[in-house]
Amino acid sequence: MQSTEKLKNLLELEIIPDLEAAIDDLFEAIDKGKSASKEQKDDLEEMREMRTECFAIVEEIKRDEIDEEEAKELLAELVDMKTDDDA
């Protein structure tokens, strides 16, 4: 499997769903508290930006605008981030 396909699968099957779940959890916490703290607002904005970037990368892959080398680098970076989060 090519790096671009691995990257696309990682984004679509793990990263984006994880981000969406985290965004939903944060909205739920904000709703329970009836207002958002500065930290919650910042976290929400950061997660939304990350999700937007992930969708953009998926679209670039679909349009064949990411080469194998760039895909390998992004894939390694995301795997490292995910591994750090799971630890």
N, C-alpha and C. Protein backbone atom coordinates (compact mmCIF):
# COMPACT_ATOMS: atom_id res chain seq x y z
N MET A 1 0.86 -1.19 0.00
CA MET A 1 0.00 0.00 0.00
C MET A 1 0.90 1.24 0.00
N GLN A 2 0.56 2.17 -0.83
CA GLN A 2 1.34 3.41 -0.93
C GLN A 2 1.15 4.27 0.32
N SER A 3 2.14 5.12 0.56
CA SER A 3 2.08 6.02 1.71
C SER A 3 0.87 6.95 1.64
N THR A 4 0.53 7.39 0.44
CA THR A 4 -0.63 8.29 0.31
C THR A 4 -1.90 7.57 0.75
N GLU A 5 -2.04 6.31 0.39
CA GLU A 5 -3.23 5.55 0.78
C GLU A 5 -3.24 5.28 2.29
N LYS A 6 -2.07 4.98 2.85
CA LYS A 6 -1.96 4.78 4.30
C LYS A 6 -2.32 6.07 5.04
N LEU A 7 -1.81 7.19 4.54
CA LEU A 7 -2.10 8.49 5.15
C LEU A 7 -3.59 8.79 5.10
N LYS A 8 -4.19 8.58 3.94
CA LYS A 8 -5.63 8.83 3.77
C LYS A 8 -6.44 7.96 4.74
N ASN A 9 -6.08 6.68 4.83
CA ASN A 9 -6.79 5.78 5.74
C ASN A 9 -6.63 6.20 7.20
N LEU A 10 -5.40 6.56 7.59
CA LEU A 10 -5.17 7.01 8.96
C LEU A 10 -6.02 8.23 9.29
N LEU A 11 -6.05 9.18 8.37
CA LEU A 11 -6.84 10.39 8.58
C LEU A 11 -8.32 10.09 8.66
N GLU A 12 -8.83 9.34 7.68
CA GLU A 12 -10.27 9.10 7.60
C GLU A 12 -10.78 8.12 8.66
N LEU A 13 -9.97 7.15 9.02
CA LEU A 13 -10.44 6.09 9.92
C LEU A 13 -10.08 6.31 11.38
N GLU A 14 -9.06 7.13 11.65
CA GLU A 14 -8.65 7.32 13.04
C GLU A 14 -8.58 8.78 13.47
N ILE A 15 -7.78 9.56 12.78
CA ILE A 15 -7.51 10.93 13.24
C ILE A 15 -8.78 11.79 13.22
N ILE A 16 -9.45 11.86 12.09
CA ILE A 16 -10.65 12.71 11.99
C ILE A 16 -11.75 12.24 12.95
N PRO A 17 -12.06 10.92 13.00
CA PRO A 17 -13.07 10.51 14.00
C PRO A 17 -12.67 10.81 15.44
N ASP A 18 -11.37 10.66 15.76
CA ASP A 18 -10.90 10.99 17.11
C ASP A 18 -11.08 12.48 17.40
N LEU A 19 -10.75 13.32 16.42
CA LEU A 19 -10.93 14.76 16.60
C LEU A 19 -12.40 15.12 16.78
N GLU A 20 -13.26 14.51 15.96
CA GLU A 20 -14.69 14.81 16.06
C GLU A 20 -15.24 14.36 17.42
N ALA A 21 -14.78 13.22 17.92
CA ALA A 21 -15.22 12.75 19.24
C ALA A 21 -14.74 13.71 20.33
N ALA A 22 -13.51 14.18 20.21
CA ALA A 22 -12.97 15.11 21.20
C ALA A 22 -13.73 16.44 21.16
N ILE A 23 -14.07 16.89 19.96
CA ILE A 23 -14.85 18.13 19.82
C ILE A 23 -16.23 17.94 20.46
N ASP A 24 -16.86 16.80 20.20
CA ASP A 24 -18.17 16.52 20.81
C ASP A 24 -18.09 16.49 22.33
N ASP A 25 -17.03 15.84 22.85
CA ASP A 25 -16.84 15.77 24.30
C ASP A 25 -16.66 17.16 24.90
N LEU A 26 -15.91 18.00 24.22
CA LEU A 26 -15.67 19.34 24.70
C LEU A 26 -16.96 20.16 24.69
N PHE A 27 -17.76 20.03 23.62
CA PHE A 27 -19.05 20.71 23.56
C PHE A 27 -19.94 20.26 24.72
N GLU A 28 -19.92 18.96 25.01
CA GLU A 28 -20.72 18.42 26.10
C GLU A 28 -20.28 19.01 27.44
N ALA A 29 -18.98 19.10 27.65
CA ALA A 29 -18.44 19.67 28.89
C ALA A 29 -18.81 21.14 29.01
N ILE A 30 -18.73 21.86 27.89
CA ILE A 30 -19.09 23.28 27.88
C ILE A 30 -20.58 23.43 28.19
N ASP A 31 -21.40 22.57 27.60
CA ASP A 31 -22.84 22.64 27.81
C ASP A 31 -23.20 22.39 29.28
N LYS A 32 -22.51 21.42 29.89
CA LYS A 32 -22.77 21.13 31.31
C LYS A 32 -22.37 22.30 32.19
N GLY A 33 -21.31 22.98 31.82
CA GLY A 33 -20.85 24.12 32.60
C GLY A 33 -21.56 25.41 32.27
N LYS A 34 -22.37 25.39 31.25
CA LYS A 34 -23.16 26.54 30.78
C LYS A 34 -22.32 27.66 30.16
N SER A 35 -20.99 27.55 30.23
CA SER A 35 -20.13 28.51 29.55
C SER A 35 -18.77 27.89 29.35
N ALA A 36 -18.03 28.44 28.41
CA ALA A 36 -16.72 27.90 28.07
C ALA A 36 -15.61 28.75 28.68
N SER A 37 -14.64 28.08 29.25
CA SER A 37 -13.48 28.79 29.76
C SER A 37 -12.59 29.19 28.59
N LYS A 38 -11.64 30.06 28.84
CA LYS A 38 -10.69 30.48 27.80
C LYS A 38 -9.94 29.26 27.27
N GLU A 39 -9.54 28.36 28.16
CA GLU A 39 -8.81 27.16 27.75
C GLU A 39 -9.68 26.26 26.86
N GLN A 40 -10.95 26.10 27.22
CA GLN A 40 -11.85 25.28 26.41
C GLN A 40 -12.06 25.89 25.03
N LYS A 41 -12.20 27.21 24.99
CA LYS A 41 -12.37 27.88 23.70
C LYS A 41 -11.13 27.69 22.83
N ASP A 42 -9.95 27.83 23.44
CA ASP A 42 -8.70 27.64 22.70
C ASP A 42 -8.56 26.20 22.21
N ASP A 43 -8.89 25.24 23.08
CA ASP A 43 -8.82 23.82 22.70
C ASP A 43 -9.78 23.52 21.54
N LEU A 44 -10.97 24.06 21.63
CA LEU A 44 -11.97 23.84 20.60
C LEU A 44 -11.50 24.41 19.26
N GLU A 45 -10.97 25.61 19.29
CA GLU A 45 -10.47 26.24 18.08
C GLU A 45 -9.32 25.42 17.47
N GLU A 46 -8.41 24.97 18.31
CA GLU A 46 -7.27 24.17 17.84
C GLU A 46 -7.73 22.85 17.21
N MET A 47 -8.68 22.19 17.86
CA MET A 47 -9.18 20.92 17.31
C MET A 47 -9.91 21.13 16.00
N ARG A 48 -10.69 22.20 15.91
CA ARG A 48 -11.39 22.49 14.65
C ARG A 48 -10.40 22.78 13.52
N GLU A 49 -9.34 23.52 13.82
CA GLU A 49 -8.31 23.80 12.82
C GLU A 49 -7.62 22.52 12.37
N MET A 50 -7.31 21.64 13.33
CA MET A 50 -6.68 20.37 12.99
C MET A 50 -7.59 19.53 12.10
N ARG A 51 -8.88 19.50 12.43
CA ARG A 51 -9.84 18.73 11.62
C ARG A 51 -9.91 19.30 10.21
N THR A 52 -9.94 20.61 10.08
CA THR A 52 -9.97 21.25 8.77
C THR A 52 -8.72 20.90 7.97
N GLU A 53 -7.56 20.93 8.62
CA GLU A 53 -6.31 20.57 7.95
C GLU A 53 -6.33 19.12 7.50
N CYS A 54 -6.86 18.24 8.33
CA CYS A 54 -6.95 16.82 7.97
C CYS A 54 -7.84 16.62 6.75
N PHE A 55 -8.99 17.28 6.73
CA PHE A 55 -9.87 17.19 5.57
C PHE A 55 -9.17 17.72 4.31
N ALA A 56 -8.41 18.79 4.47
CA ALA A 56 -7.69 19.37 3.33
C ALA A 56 -6.65 18.39 2.79
N ILE A 57 -5.95 17.71 3.68
CA ILE A 57 -4.95 16.73 3.25
C ILE A 57 -5.62 15.58 2.50
N VAL A 58 -6.75 15.11 3.01
CA VAL A 58 -7.49 14.04 2.33
C VAL A 58 -7.88 14.49 0.93
N GLU A 59 -8.36 15.72 0.80
CA GLU A 59 -8.74 16.24 -0.52
C GLU A 59 -7.53 16.33 -1.45
N GLU A 60 -6.39 16.75 -0.92
CA GLU A 60 -5.18 16.83 -1.74
C GLU A 60 -4.76 15.44 -2.21
N ILE A 61 -4.91 14.45 -1.37
CA ILE A 61 -4.60 13.07 -1.76
C ILE A 61 -5.54 12.62 -2.88
N LYS A 62 -6.82 12.91 -2.73
CA LYS A 62 -7.81 12.52 -3.74
C LYS A 62 -7.52 13.19 -5.09
N ARG A 63 -6.97 14.41 -5.04
CA ARG A 63 -6.65 15.13 -6.29
C ARG A 63 -5.22 14.82 -6.76
N ASP A 64 -4.57 13.89 -6.06
CA ASP A 64 -3.21 13.46 -6.40
C ASP A 64 -2.22 14.63 -6.36
N GLU A 65 -2.37 15.48 -5.34
CA GLU A 65 -1.52 16.66 -5.18
C GLU A 65 -0.43 16.46 -4.13
N ILE A 66 -0.40 15.28 -3.51
CA ILE A 66 0.63 14.96 -2.51
C ILE A 66 1.46 13.82 -3.05
N ASP A 67 2.78 14.03 -3.09
CA ASP A 67 3.64 12.95 -3.60
C ASP A 67 3.96 11.98 -2.46
N GLU A 68 4.57 10.86 -2.82
CA GLU A 68 4.87 9.80 -1.87
C GLU A 68 5.78 10.27 -0.73
N GLU A 69 6.77 11.08 -1.05
CA GLU A 69 7.71 11.54 -0.03
C GLU A 69 7.00 12.42 1.00
N GLU A 70 6.19 13.34 0.52
CA GLU A 70 5.43 14.21 1.44
C GLU A 70 4.47 13.38 2.27
N ALA A 71 3.83 12.40 1.65
CA ALA A 71 2.90 11.53 2.37
C ALA A 71 3.63 10.74 3.46
N LYS A 72 4.83 10.24 3.16
CA LYS A 72 5.61 9.50 4.16
C LYS A 72 5.93 10.39 5.36
N GLU A 73 6.33 11.63 5.09
CA GLU A 73 6.66 12.56 6.17
C GLU A 73 5.44 12.87 7.04
N LEU A 74 4.31 13.16 6.40
CA LEU A 74 3.08 13.45 7.14
C LEU A 74 2.63 12.22 7.93
N LEU A 75 2.73 11.06 7.31
CA LEU A 75 2.32 9.82 7.97
C LEU A 75 3.17 9.58 9.22
N ALA A 76 4.49 9.75 9.09
CA ALA A 76 5.38 9.55 10.23
C ALA A 76 5.05 10.54 11.35
N GLU A 77 4.80 11.78 10.98
CA GLU A 77 4.48 12.81 11.97
C GLU A 77 3.18 12.49 12.70
N LEU A 78 2.16 12.07 11.95
CA LEU A 78 0.88 11.76 12.57
C LEU A 78 0.96 10.51 13.45
N VAL A 79 1.71 9.52 13.01
CA VAL A 79 1.87 8.30 13.81
C VAL A 79 2.59 8.64 15.11
N ASP A 80 3.62 9.50 15.04
CA ASP A 80 4.32 9.93 16.25
C ASP A 80 3.37 10.67 17.19
N MET A 81 2.56 11.58 16.65
CA MET A 81 1.61 12.32 17.47
C MET A 81 0.61 11.37 18.12
N LYS A 82 0.10 10.44 17.34
CA LYS A 82 -0.90 9.49 17.85
C LYS A 82 -0.28 8.60 18.92
N THR A 83 0.96 8.17 18.72
CA THR A 83 1.65 7.33 19.69
C THR A 83 1.87 8.09 20.99
N ASP A 84 2.24 9.36 20.89
CA ASP A 84 2.43 10.19 22.08
C ASP A 84 1.13 10.36 22.85
N ASP A 85 0.03 10.53 22.11
CA ASP A 85 -1.28 10.70 22.74
C ASP A 85 -1.73 9.44 23.45
N ASP A 86 -1.40 8.29 22.88
CA ASP A 86 -1.83 7.01 23.45
C ASP A 86 -0.98 6.61 24.66
N ALA A 87 0.20 7.19 24.77
CA ALA A 87 1.11 6.81 25.87
C ALA A 87 0.70 7.39 27.19
